[in-house]
Amino acid sequence: MALNWQEQKHSGSAGSGGTNIWFGVAMGLMGMIVGFVATSVLSGRIPLANGTNNPSAQQVAQAPAAQAQPAPQAQAPVPQAVAATVPAIDFKKDHIRGNAKATIAVIEYSDFECPFCKRVEPTMEQISKDYGDKVMIVYRHFPLSFHANAQKEAEASDCAEDQGKFWEYHDAILERTTSNGTGFPLDNLVPLAKELGLNESKFKDCLDTGKYAKHVQDEETAGQAAGVSGTPGSFVLNLKTQKQQFINGAQPFANFKAAIDAML
C-alpha cells in the first residue's frame, strides 16, 4: 500500500459497511506509521529531507549567538622605519618626476611586473597632484627574480630615458601590463618605443647590448642594502633634514600623506 501525507481517493466493489471497517483499519495503521516516523525523526534515526539533522548544519543552527565571531576588519599597513639610509638622489641618473628642488622626495623601488606596483601608481599620481612643487617622485628599479620580464623591462625604460622618454615609457608599461612576470611581452618593448616616437634603431641597439643591465642590478642591490625586500618599497625623505620614513607595500594615500605632512 502506498502511503502519502494526503488523503487519497479510493475505489472498490465493497459496500459501505466494508468500506468503513477497512477505513478504520487503514487509519489505525496510518496512525502507527506516522507515530513511528515522527519518533525516529526526532531521535535522529531518520534524516530529514532538507538535511537539518546533519551534524554540521545542527552545529551552525544551534550555536548561541554569543559565540559568533565578527569578521576581522582590514586595516591599512603602518609606515615602517628602517635603520639603513636610502642612497642619496643622483640628479643626473635618477628618474625624477616633479620639482627637482622639492623639500620632500618619495623614492620608490619598483618592478614593472609587480601587481602591487601597478596598484600604487595612482597613489603616486595623487601625491604629485596634491603636493605640487613640494614633493618629487623618484623611481628606482627593483626587478624581482621570479618576474621573468621585469629586468629587461627596466633596461628598456632606461633606454627610453636616453631619448628623454622614461616617464612616458614607464607609464605605458604599467598601464598595459597584466603583471605577475610576463604581463607585458618582451617582443613589445621595441614596438612600444616606436609608438612613443623614439628612434627605433637606437633603442633596439641599447636594449640588445644590455647597456643598462648592470645599472638596474646596482639599483636593486642598493635598495636591498637600504632595507627594501619587496616591491613597492618607498622612502619618504626630507632633503633638508635627511629624515626618512620607509613605507612598505602598496599602502593607501593616507599613509603617504601622514609621512609627508610630518616632514614638511
C-alpha atoms as a PDB file:
ATOM      1  CA  MET A   1       0.000   0.000   0.000  1.00  0.00           C
ATOM      2  CA  ALA A   2       1.442   3.385  -0.996  1.00  0.00           C
ATOM      3  CA  LEU A   3       1.492   5.898   1.859  1.00  0.00           C
ATOM      4  CA  ASN A   4       1.147   9.662   1.283  1.00  0.00           C
ATOM      5  CA  TRP A   5       0.757  12.646   3.517  1.00  0.00           C
ATOM      6  CA  GLN A   6      -2.576  13.444   1.865  1.00  0.00           C
ATOM      7  CA  GLU A   7      -5.908  11.606   1.997  1.00  0.00           C
ATOM      8  CA  GLN A   8      -6.289   9.682  -1.254  1.00  0.00           C
ATOM      9  CA  LYS A   9      -9.495   8.902  -3.163  1.00  0.00           C
ATOM     10  CA  HIS A  10     -10.047   5.102  -3.251  1.00  0.00           C
ATOM     11  CA  SER A  11     -12.269   2.927  -5.486  1.00  0.00           C
ATOM     12  CA  GLY A  12     -13.561  -0.663  -4.984  1.00  0.00           C
ATOM     13  CA  SER A  13     -16.598  -3.052  -5.052  1.00  0.00           C
ATOM     14  CA  ALA A  14     -17.079  -3.383  -1.276  1.00  0.00           C
ATOM     15  CA  GLY A  15     -20.225  -1.915   0.293  1.00  0.00           C
ATOM     16  CA  SER A  16     -20.352   0.987   2.591  1.00  0.00           C
ATOM     17  CA  GLY A  17     -20.046  -1.144   5.722  1.00  0.00           C
ATOM     18  CA  GLY A  18     -16.932  -2.939   4.466  1.00  0.00           C
ATOM     19  CA  THR A  19     -15.548   0.328   3.401  1.00  0.00           C
ATOM     20  CA  ASN A  20     -15.988   1.765   6.893  1.00  0.00           C
ATOM     21  CA  ILE A  21     -14.285  -1.254   8.520  1.00  0.00           C
ATOM     22  CA  TRP A  22     -11.348  -1.150   6.173  1.00  0.00           C
ATOM     23  CA  PHE A  23     -11.233   2.595   6.524  1.00  0.00           C
ATOM     24  CA  GLY A  24     -10.891   2.246  10.281  1.00  0.00           C
ATOM     25  CA  VAL A  25      -8.131  -0.345   9.907  1.00  0.00           C
ATOM     26  CA  ALA A  26      -6.286   1.797   7.425  1.00  0.00           C
ATOM     27  CA  MET A  27      -6.499   4.856   9.665  1.00  0.00           C
ATOM     28  CA  GLY A  28      -5.198   2.840  12.615  1.00  0.00           C
ATOM     29  CA  LEU A  29      -2.199   1.622  10.625  1.00  0.00           C
ATOM     30  CA  MET A  30      -1.644   5.107   9.333  1.00  0.00           C
ATOM     31  CA  GLY A  31      -1.517   6.470  12.851  1.00  0.00           C
ATOM     32  CA  MET A  32       1.017   3.838  13.947  1.00  0.00           C
ATOM     33  CA  ILE A  33       3.291   4.547  10.987  1.00  0.00           C
ATOM     34  CA  VAL A  34       3.116   8.312  11.457  1.00  0.00           C
ATOM     35  CA  GLY A  35       3.951   7.959  15.113  1.00  0.00           C
ATOM     36  CA  PHE A  36       6.932   5.721  14.367  1.00  0.00           C
ATOM     37  CA  VAL A  37       8.289   8.099  11.709  1.00  0.00           C
ATOM     38  CA  ALA A  38       7.871  11.157  13.907  1.00  0.00           C
ATOM     39  CA  THR A  39       9.683   9.470  16.813  1.00  0.00           C
ATOM     40  CA  SER A  40      12.518   8.351  14.525  1.00  0.00           C
ATOM     41  CA  VAL A  41      12.985  11.816  13.086  1.00  0.00           C
ATOM     42  CA  LEU A  42      13.083  13.473  16.485  1.00  0.00           C
ATOM     43  CA  SER A  43      15.609  10.918  17.746  1.00  0.00           C
ATOM     44  CA  GLY A  44      17.794  11.440  14.675  1.00  0.00           C
ATOM     45  CA  ARG A  45      17.477   7.883  13.330  1.00  0.00           C
ATOM     46  CA  ILE A  46      15.837   9.126  10.106  1.00  0.00           C
ATOM     47  CA  PRO A  47      17.334  12.241   8.400  1.00  0.00           C
ATOM     48  CA  LEU A  48      15.033  14.980   7.257  1.00  0.00           C
ATOM     49  CA  ALA A  49      14.934  15.635   3.522  1.00  0.00           C
ATOM     50  CA  ASN A  50      16.338  19.146   3.941  1.00  0.00           C
ATOM     51  CA  GLY A  51      19.359  17.836   5.835  1.00  0.00           C
ATOM     52  CA  THR A  52      18.674  19.709   9.071  1.00  0.00           C
ATOM     53  CA  ASN A  53      19.835  16.748  11.163  1.00  0.00           C
ATOM     54  CA  ASN A  54      23.244  16.902   9.514  1.00  0.00           C
ATOM     55  CA  PRO A  55      25.704  17.391  12.426  1.00  0.00           C
ATOM     56  CA  SER A  56      27.392  20.362  10.758  1.00  0.00           C
ATOM     57  CA  ALA A  57      24.090  22.029   9.966  1.00  0.00           C
ATOM     58  CA  GLN A  58      22.895  21.487  13.514  1.00  0.00           C
ATOM     59  CA  GLN A  59      26.019  22.980  14.969  1.00  0.00           C
ATOM     60  CA  VAL A  60      25.584  26.082  12.874  1.00  0.00           C
ATOM     61  CA  ALA A  61      21.859  26.385  13.531  1.00  0.00           C
ATOM     62  CA  GLN A  62      22.061  25.727  17.280  1.00  0.00           C
ATOM     63  CA  ALA A  63      25.198  27.702  18.062  1.00  0.00           C
ATOM     64  CA  PRO A  64      24.387  30.501  20.533  1.00  0.00           C
ATOM     65  CA  ALA A  65      24.548  33.951  19.033  1.00  0.00           C
ATOM     66  CA  ALA A  66      27.130  34.964  21.638  1.00  0.00           C
ATOM     67  CA  GLN A  67      29.631  32.531  20.135  1.00  0.00           C
ATOM     68  CA  ALA A  68      29.556  34.136  16.685  1.00  0.00           C
ATOM     69  CA  GLN A  69      32.813  35.977  15.997  1.00  0.00           C
ATOM     70  CA  PRO A  70      32.797  39.139  13.870  1.00  0.00           C
ATOM     71  CA  ALA A  71      34.797  39.006  10.653  1.00  0.00           C
ATOM     72  CA  PRO A  72      38.208  40.698  11.019  1.00  0.00           C
ATOM     73  CA  GLN A  73      38.325  44.188   9.593  1.00  0.00           C
ATOM     74  CA  ALA A  74      41.025  45.057   7.068  1.00  0.00           C
ATOM     75  CA  GLN A  75      43.500  47.577   8.436  1.00  0.00           C
ATOM     76  CA  ALA A  76      45.845  49.781   6.489  1.00  0.00           C
ATOM     77  CA  PRO A  77      49.533  48.903   6.979  1.00  0.00           C
ATOM     78  CA  VAL A  78      51.508  51.271   9.160  1.00  0.00           C
ATOM     79  CA  PRO A  79      54.587  53.060   7.741  1.00  0.00           C
ATOM     80  CA  GLN A  80      57.781  51.393   8.941  1.00  0.00           C
ATOM     81  CA  ALA A  81      61.076  52.920   9.928  1.00  0.00           C
ATOM     82  CA  VAL A  82      64.322  51.268   8.786  1.00  0.00           C
ATOM     83  CA  ALA A  83      67.779  51.675  10.200  1.00  0.00           C
ATOM     84  CA  ALA A  84      69.619  51.876   6.871  1.00  0.00           C
ATOM     85  CA  THR A  85      69.742  55.077   4.852  1.00  0.00           C
ATOM     86  CA  VAL A  86      68.378  55.256   1.337  1.00  0.00           C
ATOM     87  CA  PRO A  87      71.065  56.226  -1.213  1.00  0.00           C
ATOM     88  CA  ALA A  88      71.200  59.929  -1.979  1.00  0.00           C
ATOM     89  CA  ILE A  89      69.406  61.186  -5.048  1.00  0.00           C
ATOM     90  CA  ASP A  90      71.608  61.458  -8.108  1.00  0.00           C
ATOM     91  CA  PHE A  91      70.060  64.278 -10.122  1.00  0.00           C
ATOM     92  CA  LYS A  92      71.866  63.135 -13.269  1.00  0.00           C
ATOM     93  CA  LYS A  93      70.962  59.423 -13.127  1.00  0.00           C
ATOM     94  CA  ASP A  94      67.772  59.089 -11.075  1.00  0.00           C
ATOM     95  CA  HIS A  95      64.363  59.201 -12.719  1.00  0.00           C
ATOM     96  CA  ILE A  96      62.652  62.225 -11.182  1.00  0.00           C
ATOM     97  CA  ARG A  97      59.080  63.379 -11.706  1.00  0.00           C
ATOM     98  CA  GLY A  98      58.222  66.830 -10.396  1.00  0.00           C
ATOM     99  CA  ASN A  99      60.204  69.697  -8.921  1.00  0.00           C
ATOM    100  CA  ALA A 100      63.897  68.821  -8.590  1.00  0.00           C
ATOM    101  CA  LYS A 101      64.119  71.435  -5.809  1.00  0.00           C
ATOM    102  CA  ALA A 102      61.264  69.980  -3.746  1.00  0.00           C
ATOM    103  CA  THR A 103      61.620  69.623   0.019  1.00  0.00           C
ATOM    104  CA  ILE A 104      60.329  66.056   0.073  1.00  0.00           C
ATOM    105  CA  ALA A 105      61.204  63.125  -2.157  1.00  0.00           C
ATOM    106  CA  VAL A 106      59.211  59.908  -2.377  1.00  0.00           C
ATOM    107  CA  ILE A 107      61.717  57.331  -3.604  1.00  0.00           C
ATOM    108  CA  GLU A 108      60.006  54.214  -4.914  1.00  0.00           C
ATOM    109  CA  TYR A 109      61.816  50.927  -5.559  1.00  0.00           C
ATOM    110  CA  SER A 110      59.640  49.176  -8.070  1.00  0.00           C
ATOM    111  CA  ASP A 111      59.179  46.306 -10.534  1.00  0.00           C
ATOM    112  CA  PHE A 112      57.250  46.766 -13.788  1.00  0.00           C
ATOM    113  CA  GLU A 113      55.710  43.284 -13.421  1.00  0.00           C
ATOM    114  CA  CYS A 114      54.661  43.701  -9.795  1.00  0.00           C
ATOM    115  CA  PRO A 115      50.856  43.960  -9.454  1.00  0.00           C
ATOM    116  CA  PHE A 116      51.230  45.997  -6.261  1.00  0.00           C
ATOM    117  CA  CYS A 117      53.493  48.481  -8.027  1.00  0.00           C
ATOM    118  CA  LYS A 118      50.793  48.884 -10.632  1.00  0.00           C
ATOM    119  CA  ARG A 119      48.280  49.351  -7.815  1.00  0.00           C
ATOM    120  CA  VAL A 120      50.295  52.058  -6.051  1.00  0.00           C
ATOM    121  CA  GLU A 121      50.765  54.131  -9.223  1.00  0.00           C
ATOM    122  CA  PRO A 122      47.526  56.133  -8.749  1.00  0.00           C
ATOM    123  CA  THR A 123      48.738  56.974  -5.236  1.00  0.00           C
ATOM    124  CA  MET A 124      51.973  58.387  -6.638  1.00  0.00           C
ATOM    125  CA  GLU A 125      49.965  60.418  -9.123  1.00  0.00           C
ATOM    126  CA  GLN A 126      47.789  61.766  -6.322  1.00  0.00           C
ATOM    127  CA  ILE A 127      50.862  62.769  -4.323  1.00  0.00           C
ATOM    128  CA  SER A 128      52.159  64.759  -7.297  1.00  0.00           C
ATOM    129  CA  LYS A 129      48.771  66.368  -7.804  1.00  0.00           C
ATOM    130  CA  ASP A 130      48.123  67.283  -4.166  1.00  0.00           C
ATOM    131  CA  TYR A 131      51.614  68.437  -3.169  1.00  0.00           C
ATOM    132  CA  GLY A 132      52.797  70.013  -6.417  1.00  0.00           C
ATOM    133  CA  ASP A 133      56.281  71.509  -6.144  1.00  0.00           C
ATOM    134  CA  LYS A 134      56.704  70.384  -2.535  1.00  0.00           C
ATOM    135  CA  VAL A 135      57.248  66.717  -3.412  1.00  0.00           C
ATOM    136  CA  MET A 136      59.195  64.926  -6.132  1.00  0.00           C
ATOM    137  CA  ILE A 137      58.738  61.291  -7.118  1.00  0.00           C
ATOM    138  CA  VAL A 138      61.900  59.256  -7.719  1.00  0.00           C
ATOM    139  CA  TYR A 139      61.669  55.883  -9.455  1.00  0.00           C
ATOM    140  CA  ARG A 140      64.314  53.203  -8.904  1.00  0.00           C
ATOM    141  CA  HIS A 141      64.484  49.671 -10.256  1.00  0.00           C
ATOM    142  CA  PHE A 142      63.971  46.595  -8.133  1.00  0.00           C
ATOM    143  CA  PRO A 143      63.120  43.736 -10.555  1.00  0.00           C
ATOM    144  CA  LEU A 144      62.155  40.611  -8.659  1.00  0.00           C
ATOM    145  CA  SER A 145      63.874  37.415  -9.806  1.00  0.00           C
ATOM    146  CA  PHE A 146      60.625  35.480 -10.213  1.00  0.00           C
ATOM    147  CA  HIS A 147      59.239  38.086 -12.629  1.00  0.00           C
ATOM    148  CA  ALA A 148      60.773  36.875 -15.882  1.00  0.00           C
ATOM    149  CA  ASN A 149      60.333  40.086 -17.883  1.00  0.00           C
ATOM    150  CA  ALA A 150      60.994  42.662 -15.166  1.00  0.00           C
ATOM    151  CA  GLN A 151      64.764  43.017 -15.642  1.00  0.00           C
ATOM    152  CA  LYS A 152      64.537  43.598 -19.381  1.00  0.00           C
ATOM    153  CA  GLU A 153      61.597  45.970 -18.997  1.00  0.00           C
ATOM    154  CA  ALA A 154      63.658  48.006 -16.526  1.00  0.00           C
ATOM    155  CA  GLU A 155      66.537  48.147 -19.004  1.00  0.00           C
ATOM    156  CA  ALA A 156      64.119  49.204 -21.760  1.00  0.00           C
ATOM    157  CA  SER A 157      62.821  52.097 -19.664  1.00  0.00           C
ATOM    158  CA  ASP A 158      66.382  53.322 -19.189  1.00  0.00           C
ATOM    159  CA  CYS A 159      66.953  53.053 -22.929  1.00  0.00           C
ATOM    160  CA  ALA A 160      63.863  55.232 -23.331  1.00  0.00           C
ATOM    161  CA  GLU A 161      65.453  57.717 -20.928  1.00  0.00           C
ATOM    162  CA  ASP A 162      68.372  58.044 -23.359  1.00  0.00           C
ATOM    163  CA  GLN A 163      65.870  59.710 -25.675  1.00  0.00           C
ATOM    164  CA  GLY A 164      64.091  61.668 -22.946  1.00  0.00           C
ATOM    165  CA  LYS A 165      61.036  59.406 -22.671  1.00  0.00           C
ATOM    166  CA  PHE A 166      61.461  57.458 -19.439  1.00  0.00           C
ATOM    167  CA  TRP A 167      58.209  58.517 -17.816  1.00  0.00           C
ATOM    168  CA  GLU A 168      56.180  58.026 -20.972  1.00  0.00           C
ATOM    169  CA  TYR A 169      57.618  54.520 -21.313  1.00  0.00           C
ATOM    170  CA  HIS A 170      57.148  53.838 -17.594  1.00  0.00           C
ATOM    171  CA  ASP A 171      53.504  54.913 -17.689  1.00  0.00           C
ATOM    172  CA  ALA A 172      52.734  52.881 -20.808  1.00  0.00           C
ATOM    173  CA  ILE A 173      54.133  49.614 -19.428  1.00  0.00           C
ATOM    174  CA  LEU A 174      52.348  49.946 -16.092  1.00  0.00           C
ATOM    175  CA  GLU A 175      49.114  50.798 -17.847  1.00  0.00           C
ATOM    176  CA  ARG A 176      49.274  47.831 -20.219  1.00  0.00           C
ATOM    177  CA  THR A 177      50.912  45.038 -18.254  1.00  0.00           C
ATOM    178  CA  THR A 178      48.779  42.347 -16.662  1.00  0.00           C
ATOM    179  CA  SER A 179      51.645  41.837 -14.185  1.00  0.00           C
ATOM    180  CA  ASN A 180      52.977  38.723 -12.433  1.00  0.00           C
ATOM    181  CA  GLY A 181      56.098  38.179 -14.505  1.00  0.00           C
ATOM    182  CA  THR A 182      55.164  38.196 -18.166  1.00  0.00           C
ATOM    183  CA  GLY A 183      52.292  40.670 -18.242  1.00  0.00           C
ATOM    184  CA  PHE A 184      53.980  42.815 -20.873  1.00  0.00           C
ATOM    185  CA  PRO A 185      55.580  40.693 -23.647  1.00  0.00           C
ATOM    186  CA  LEU A 186      59.250  41.376 -24.312  1.00  0.00           C
ATOM    187  CA  ASP A 187      58.505  41.342 -28.033  1.00  0.00           C
ATOM    188  CA  ASN A 188      56.509  44.539 -27.458  1.00  0.00           C
ATOM    189  CA  LEU A 189      59.334  46.570 -25.933  1.00  0.00           C
ATOM    190  CA  VAL A 190      60.710  47.863 -29.230  1.00  0.00           C
ATOM    191  CA  PRO A 191      57.282  48.456 -30.821  1.00  0.00           C
ATOM    192  CA  LEU A 192      56.305  50.472 -27.760  1.00  0.00           C
ATOM    193  CA  ALA A 193      59.379  52.643 -28.171  1.00  0.00           C
ATOM    194  CA  LYS A 194      58.455  53.247 -31.792  1.00  0.00           C
ATOM    195  CA  GLU A 195      54.871  54.054 -30.795  1.00  0.00           C
ATOM    196  CA  LEU A 196      56.158  56.691 -28.373  1.00  0.00           C
ATOM    197  CA  GLY A 197      58.207  58.338 -31.082  1.00  0.00           C
ATOM    198  CA  LEU A 198      61.642  57.023 -30.124  1.00  0.00           C
ATOM    199  CA  ASN A 199      64.344  56.210 -32.629  1.00  0.00           C
ATOM    200  CA  GLU A 200      63.719  52.506 -33.071  1.00  0.00           C
ATOM    201  CA  SER A 201      67.247  51.593 -34.180  1.00  0.00           C
ATOM    202  CA  LYS A 202      68.955  53.396 -31.284  1.00  0.00           C
ATOM    203  CA  PHE A 203      66.501  51.968 -28.779  1.00  0.00           C
ATOM    204  CA  LYS A 204      66.929  48.409 -30.067  1.00  0.00           C
ATOM    205  CA  ASP A 205      70.708  48.681 -30.006  1.00  0.00           C
ATOM    206  CA  CYS A 206      70.592  49.930 -26.412  1.00  0.00           C
ATOM    207  CA  LEU A 207      68.314  47.093 -25.368  1.00  0.00           C
ATOM    208  CA  ASP A 208      70.106  44.312 -27.258  1.00  0.00           C
ATOM    209  CA  THR A 209      73.546  45.233 -25.913  1.00  0.00           C
ATOM    210  CA  GLY A 210      72.299  45.293 -22.305  1.00  0.00           C
ATOM    211  CA  LYS A 211      73.602  48.810 -21.846  1.00  0.00           C
ATOM    212  CA  TYR A 212      71.721  49.312 -18.575  1.00  0.00           C
ATOM    213  CA  ALA A 213      71.680  45.753 -17.225  1.00  0.00           C
ATOM    214  CA  LYS A 214      74.295  46.447 -14.563  1.00  0.00           C
ATOM    215  CA  HIS A 215      72.750  49.795 -13.649  1.00  0.00           C
ATOM    216  CA  VAL A 216      69.404  48.103 -12.955  1.00  0.00           C
ATOM    217  CA  GLN A 217      71.079  45.433 -10.838  1.00  0.00           C
ATOM    218  CA  ASP A 218      73.093  48.038  -8.943  1.00  0.00           C
ATOM    219  CA  GLU A 219      69.925  49.954  -8.052  1.00  0.00           C
ATOM    220  CA  GLU A 220      68.327  46.790  -6.729  1.00  0.00           C
ATOM    221  CA  THR A 221      71.423  45.942  -4.663  1.00  0.00           C
ATOM    222  CA  ALA A 222      71.470  49.448  -3.181  1.00  0.00           C
ATOM    223  CA  GLY A 223      67.772  49.139  -2.366  1.00  0.00           C
ATOM    224  CA  GLN A 224      68.369  45.874  -0.550  1.00  0.00           C
ATOM    225  CA  ALA A 225      71.145  47.492   1.472  1.00  0.00           C
ATOM    226  CA  ALA A 226      68.690  50.237   2.446  1.00  0.00           C
ATOM    227  CA  GLY A 227      66.181  47.685   3.748  1.00  0.00           C
ATOM    228  CA  VAL A 228      63.965  47.005   0.736  1.00  0.00           C
ATOM    229  CA  SER A 229      62.953  43.360   0.472  1.00  0.00           C
ATOM    230  CA  GLY A 230      59.965  43.555  -1.870  1.00  0.00           C
ATOM    231  CA  THR A 231      58.070  45.881  -4.130  1.00  0.00           C
ATOM    232  CA  PRO A 232      56.938  48.518  -3.945  1.00  0.00           C
ATOM    233  CA  GLY A 233      59.265  49.768  -1.230  1.00  0.00           C
ATOM    234  CA  SER A 234      59.173  53.540  -0.775  1.00  0.00           C
ATOM    235  CA  PHE A 235      61.088  56.101   1.237  1.00  0.00           C
ATOM    236  CA  VAL A 236      59.665  59.476   2.171  1.00  0.00           C
ATOM    237  CA  LEU A 237      62.750  61.650   2.551  1.00  0.00           C
ATOM    238  CA  ASN A 238      63.152  65.250   3.705  1.00  0.00           C
ATOM    239  CA  LEU A 239      66.012  66.535   1.555  1.00  0.00           C
ATOM    240  CA  LYS A 240      66.889  69.289   4.046  1.00  0.00           C
ATOM    241  CA  THR A 241      66.907  67.350   7.309  1.00  0.00           C
ATOM    242  CA  GLN A 242      67.568  63.898   5.766  1.00  0.00           C
ATOM    243  CA  LYS A 243      64.831  62.491   7.967  1.00  0.00           C
ATOM    244  CA  GLN A 244      63.280  59.485   6.279  1.00  0.00           C
ATOM    245  CA  GLN A 245      60.316  57.155   6.657  1.00  0.00           C
ATOM    246  CA  PHE A 246      60.062  53.767   4.947  1.00  0.00           C
ATOM    247  CA  ILE A 247      56.651  52.722   3.628  1.00  0.00           C
ATOM    248  CA  ASN A 248      56.406  49.061   2.753  1.00  0.00           C
ATOM    249  CA  GLY A 249      53.988  47.938   0.056  1.00  0.00           C
ATOM    250  CA  ALA A 250      51.115  49.491  -1.886  1.00  0.00           C
ATOM    251  CA  GLN A 251      49.737  51.423   1.044  1.00  0.00           C
ATOM    252  CA  PRO A 252      46.904  53.943   0.727  1.00  0.00           C
ATOM    253  CA  PHE A 253      47.419  57.604   0.016  1.00  0.00           C
ATOM    254  CA  ALA A 254      46.534  58.455   3.640  1.00  0.00           C
ATOM    255  CA  ASN A 255      49.670  56.657   4.884  1.00  0.00           C
ATOM    256  CA  PHE A 256      51.923  58.513   2.469  1.00  0.00           C
ATOM    257  CA  LYS A 257      50.201  61.776   3.345  1.00  0.00           C
ATOM    258  CA  ALA A 258      50.790  61.226   7.061  1.00  0.00           C
ATOM    259  CA  ALA A 259      54.506  60.631   6.476  1.00  0.00           C
ATOM    260  CA  ILE A 260      54.872  63.605   4.134  1.00  0.00           C
ATOM    261  CA  ASP A 261      52.961  66.009   6.363  1.00  0.00           C
ATOM    262  CA  ALA A 262      55.087  65.012   9.349  1.00  0.00           C
ATOM    263  CA  MET A 263      58.215  66.076   7.462  1.00  0.00           C
ATOM    264  CA  LEU A 264      57.045  69.312   5.861  1.00  0.00           C
END
